Amino acid sequence: MLDRIGDQWSLLTLAALEEGKKRFNELLREIGDISKQMLSKTLKHLEQDGFIRRTVYPEVPPRVEYELTEMGRSFLVPMKALIGWADRNHAAIKSARHRYETV
């Protein structure tokens, strides 16, 4: 489970949906470096695991929106704590990796 929600793209996608419903292209622009294929795969995994809800509106062309579910919203608190920890320890982790590579 952690490998599904702990990857870079899942965390960025969940964070992007914190403000509310978004369409695919909005997410693509907000996240940035993610490819269309990777965003599509990430959204499918997050929907499959119950973190987001996908709503398709019967329009031409079809309009699709993504939003966090209750479970997805509840994950934001520990996710932010994890991101904060990573930010605070980034320099130490980078230093440890450098020491490891030079041994």
C-alpha atoms as a PDB file:
ATOM      1  CA  MET A   1       0.000   0.000   0.000  1.00  0.00           C
ATOM      2  CA  LEU A   2       2.765   2.449   0.863  1.00  0.00           C
ATOM      3  CA  ASP A   3       4.332   2.056  -2.554  1.00  0.00           C
ATOM      4  CA  ARG A   4       1.021   3.138  -4.138  1.00  0.00           C
ATOM      5  CA  ILE A   5       0.453   6.272  -2.062  1.00  0.00           C
ATOM      6  CA  GLY A   6       4.052   7.089  -1.216  1.00  0.00           C
ATOM      7  CA  ASP A   7       5.307   7.684  -4.718  1.00  0.00           C
ATOM      8  CA  GLN A   8       6.057  11.196  -5.920  1.00  0.00           C
ATOM      9  CA  TRP A   9       3.158  11.456  -8.356  1.00  0.00           C
ATOM     10  CA  SER A  10       0.485  10.200  -5.962  1.00  0.00           C
ATOM     11  CA  LEU A  11       1.522  12.691  -3.286  1.00  0.00           C
ATOM     12  CA  LEU A  12       1.591  15.574  -5.773  1.00  0.00           C
ATOM     13  CA  THR A  13      -1.793  14.556  -7.206  1.00  0.00           C
ATOM     14  CA  LEU A  14      -3.413  14.311  -3.774  1.00  0.00           C
ATOM     15  CA  ALA A  15      -1.957  17.696  -2.808  1.00  0.00           C
ATOM     16  CA  ALA A  16      -3.262  19.234  -6.041  1.00  0.00           C
ATOM     17  CA  LEU A  17      -6.776  17.986  -5.251  1.00  0.00           C
ATOM     18  CA  GLU A  18      -6.784  19.451  -1.739  1.00  0.00           C
ATOM     19  CA  GLU A  19      -8.442  22.659  -2.965  1.00  0.00           C
ATOM     20  CA  GLY A  20     -11.339  20.823  -4.624  1.00  0.00           C
ATOM     21  CA  LYS A  21     -12.480  19.243  -7.877  1.00  0.00           C
ATOM     22  CA  LYS A  22     -10.189  19.461 -10.868  1.00  0.00           C
ATOM     23  CA  ARG A  23     -10.171  18.275 -14.436  1.00  0.00           C
ATOM     24  CA  PHE A  24      -7.368  16.232 -15.983  1.00  0.00           C
ATOM     25  CA  ASN A  25      -5.695  19.143 -17.787  1.00  0.00           C
ATOM     26  CA  GLU A  26      -5.863  21.325 -14.660  1.00  0.00           C
ATOM     27  CA  LEU A  27      -4.012  18.617 -12.740  1.00  0.00           C
ATOM     28  CA  LEU A  28      -1.523  18.208 -15.569  1.00  0.00           C
ATOM     29  CA  ARG A  29      -0.706  21.947 -15.513  1.00  0.00           C
ATOM     30  CA  GLU A  30      -0.571  22.180 -11.719  1.00  0.00           C
ATOM     31  CA  ILE A  31       1.657  19.143 -11.187  1.00  0.00           C
ATOM     32  CA  GLY A  32       4.030  20.110 -13.966  1.00  0.00           C
ATOM     33  CA  ASP A  33       6.602  17.532 -15.040  1.00  0.00           C
ATOM     34  CA  ILE A  34       4.223  14.563 -15.063  1.00  0.00           C
ATOM     35  CA  SER A  35       3.348  12.980 -18.419  1.00  0.00           C
ATOM     36  CA  LYS A  36      -0.258  12.429 -19.490  1.00  0.00           C
ATOM     37  CA  GLN A  37       0.253   8.670 -19.273  1.00  0.00           C
ATOM     38  CA  MET A  38       1.694   8.824 -15.752  1.00  0.00           C
ATOM     39  CA  LEU A  39      -1.069  11.149 -14.530  1.00  0.00           C
ATOM     40  CA  SER A  40      -3.695   8.838 -16.001  1.00  0.00           C
ATOM     41  CA  LYS A  41      -2.103   5.806 -14.310  1.00  0.00           C
ATOM     42  CA  THR A  42      -1.772   7.669 -10.996  1.00  0.00           C
ATOM     43  CA  LEU A  43      -5.409   8.802 -11.070  1.00  0.00           C
ATOM     44  CA  LYS A  44      -6.585   5.253 -11.803  1.00  0.00           C
ATOM     45  CA  HIS A  45      -4.572   3.838  -8.891  1.00  0.00           C
ATOM     46  CA  LEU A  46      -5.794   6.508  -6.489  1.00  0.00           C
ATOM     47  CA  GLU A  47      -9.394   5.914  -7.583  1.00  0.00           C
ATOM     48  CA  GLN A  48      -8.971   2.142  -7.283  1.00  0.00           C
ATOM     49  CA  ASP A  49      -7.617   2.544  -3.738  1.00  0.00           C
ATOM     50  CA  GLY A  50     -10.461   4.872  -2.713  1.00  0.00           C
ATOM     51  CA  PHE A  51      -8.490   8.117  -2.334  1.00  0.00           C
ATOM     52  CA  ILE A  52     -10.201  10.000  -5.166  1.00  0.00           C
ATOM     53  CA  ARG A  53     -13.557   9.987  -6.930  1.00  0.00           C
ATOM     54  CA  ARG A  54     -13.880  10.341 -10.697  1.00  0.00           C
ATOM     55  CA  THR A  55     -17.109  11.873 -11.986  1.00  0.00           C
ATOM     56  CA  VAL A  56     -18.022  11.753 -15.680  1.00  0.00           C
ATOM     57  CA  TYR A  57     -20.698  14.217 -16.789  1.00  0.00           C
ATOM     58  CA  PRO A  58     -22.892  13.222 -19.751  1.00  0.00           C
ATOM     59  CA  GLU A  59     -21.887  16.092 -22.006  1.00  0.00           C
ATOM     60  CA  VAL A  60     -20.349  16.350 -25.442  1.00  0.00           C
ATOM     61  CA  PRO A  61     -17.414  16.232 -25.147  1.00  0.00           C
ATOM     62  CA  PRO A  62     -17.572  14.384 -21.809  1.00  0.00           C
ATOM     63  CA  ARG A  63     -16.421  16.373 -18.800  1.00  0.00           C
ATOM     64  CA  VAL A  64     -14.492  14.430 -16.158  1.00  0.00           C
ATOM     65  CA  GLU A  65     -13.634  15.776 -12.709  1.00  0.00           C
ATOM     66  CA  TYR A  66     -11.519  14.326  -9.927  1.00  0.00           C
ATOM     67  CA  GLU A  67     -11.884  15.033  -6.223  1.00  0.00           C
ATOM     68  CA  LEU A  68     -10.693  13.639  -2.919  1.00  0.00           C
ATOM     69  CA  THR A  69     -12.908  11.176  -1.091  1.00  0.00           C
ATOM     70  CA  GLU A  70     -13.326  11.290   2.686  1.00  0.00           C
ATOM     71  CA  MET A  71     -10.457   8.805   2.975  1.00  0.00           C
ATOM     72  CA  GLY A  72      -8.322  10.919   0.641  1.00  0.00           C
ATOM     73  CA  ARG A  73      -8.973  14.006   2.770  1.00  0.00           C
ATOM     74  CA  SER A  74      -8.094  12.097   5.931  1.00  0.00           C
ATOM     75  CA  PHE A  75      -4.735  11.169   4.378  1.00  0.00           C
ATOM     76  CA  LEU A  76      -3.745  14.819   3.871  1.00  0.00           C
ATOM     77  CA  VAL A  77      -2.732  15.270   7.539  1.00  0.00           C
ATOM     78  CA  PRO A  78      -0.216  12.395   7.701  1.00  0.00           C
ATOM     79  CA  MET A  79       0.894  13.177   4.149  1.00  0.00           C
ATOM     80  CA  LYS A  80       1.736  16.765   5.092  1.00  0.00           C
ATOM     81  CA  ALA A  81       3.592  15.508   8.158  1.00  0.00           C
ATOM     82  CA  LEU A  82       5.641  13.165   5.954  1.00  0.00           C
ATOM     83  CA  ILE A  83       6.398  15.925   3.460  1.00  0.00           C
ATOM     84  CA  GLY A  84       7.385  18.254   6.298  1.00  0.00           C
ATOM     85  CA  TRP A  85       9.694  15.607   7.749  1.00  0.00           C
ATOM     86  CA  ALA A  86      11.284  15.051   4.327  1.00  0.00           C
ATOM     87  CA  ASP A  87      11.792  18.801   3.864  1.00  0.00           C
ATOM     88  CA  ARG A  88      13.369  19.188   7.314  1.00  0.00           C
ATOM     89  CA  ASN A  89      15.686  16.214   6.776  1.00  0.00           C
ATOM     90  CA  HIS A  90      16.516  16.697   3.106  1.00  0.00           C
ATOM     91  CA  ALA A  91      20.028  18.014   3.743  1.00  0.00           C
ATOM     92  CA  ALA A  92      20.849  15.173   6.171  1.00  0.00           C
ATOM     93  CA  ILE A  93      19.572  12.555   3.720  1.00  0.00           C
ATOM     94  CA  LYS A  94      21.553  14.114   0.881  1.00  0.00           C
ATOM     95  CA  SER A  95      24.660  14.136   3.066  1.00  0.00           C
ATOM     96  CA  ALA A  96      24.170  10.480   4.062  1.00  0.00           C
ATOM     97  CA  ARG A  97      23.807   9.467   0.417  1.00  0.00           C
ATOM     98  CA  HIS A  98      26.992  11.321  -0.457  1.00  0.00           C
ATOM     99  CA  ARG A  99      28.906   9.617   2.365  1.00  0.00           C
ATOM    100  CA  TYR A 100      27.585   6.226   1.243  1.00  0.00           C
ATOM    101  CA  GLU A 101      28.657   6.809  -2.365  1.00  0.00           C
ATOM    102  CA  THR A 102      32.184   7.854  -1.383  1.00  0.00           C
ATOM    103  CA  VAL A 103      32.874   4.771   0.756  1.00  0.00           C
END
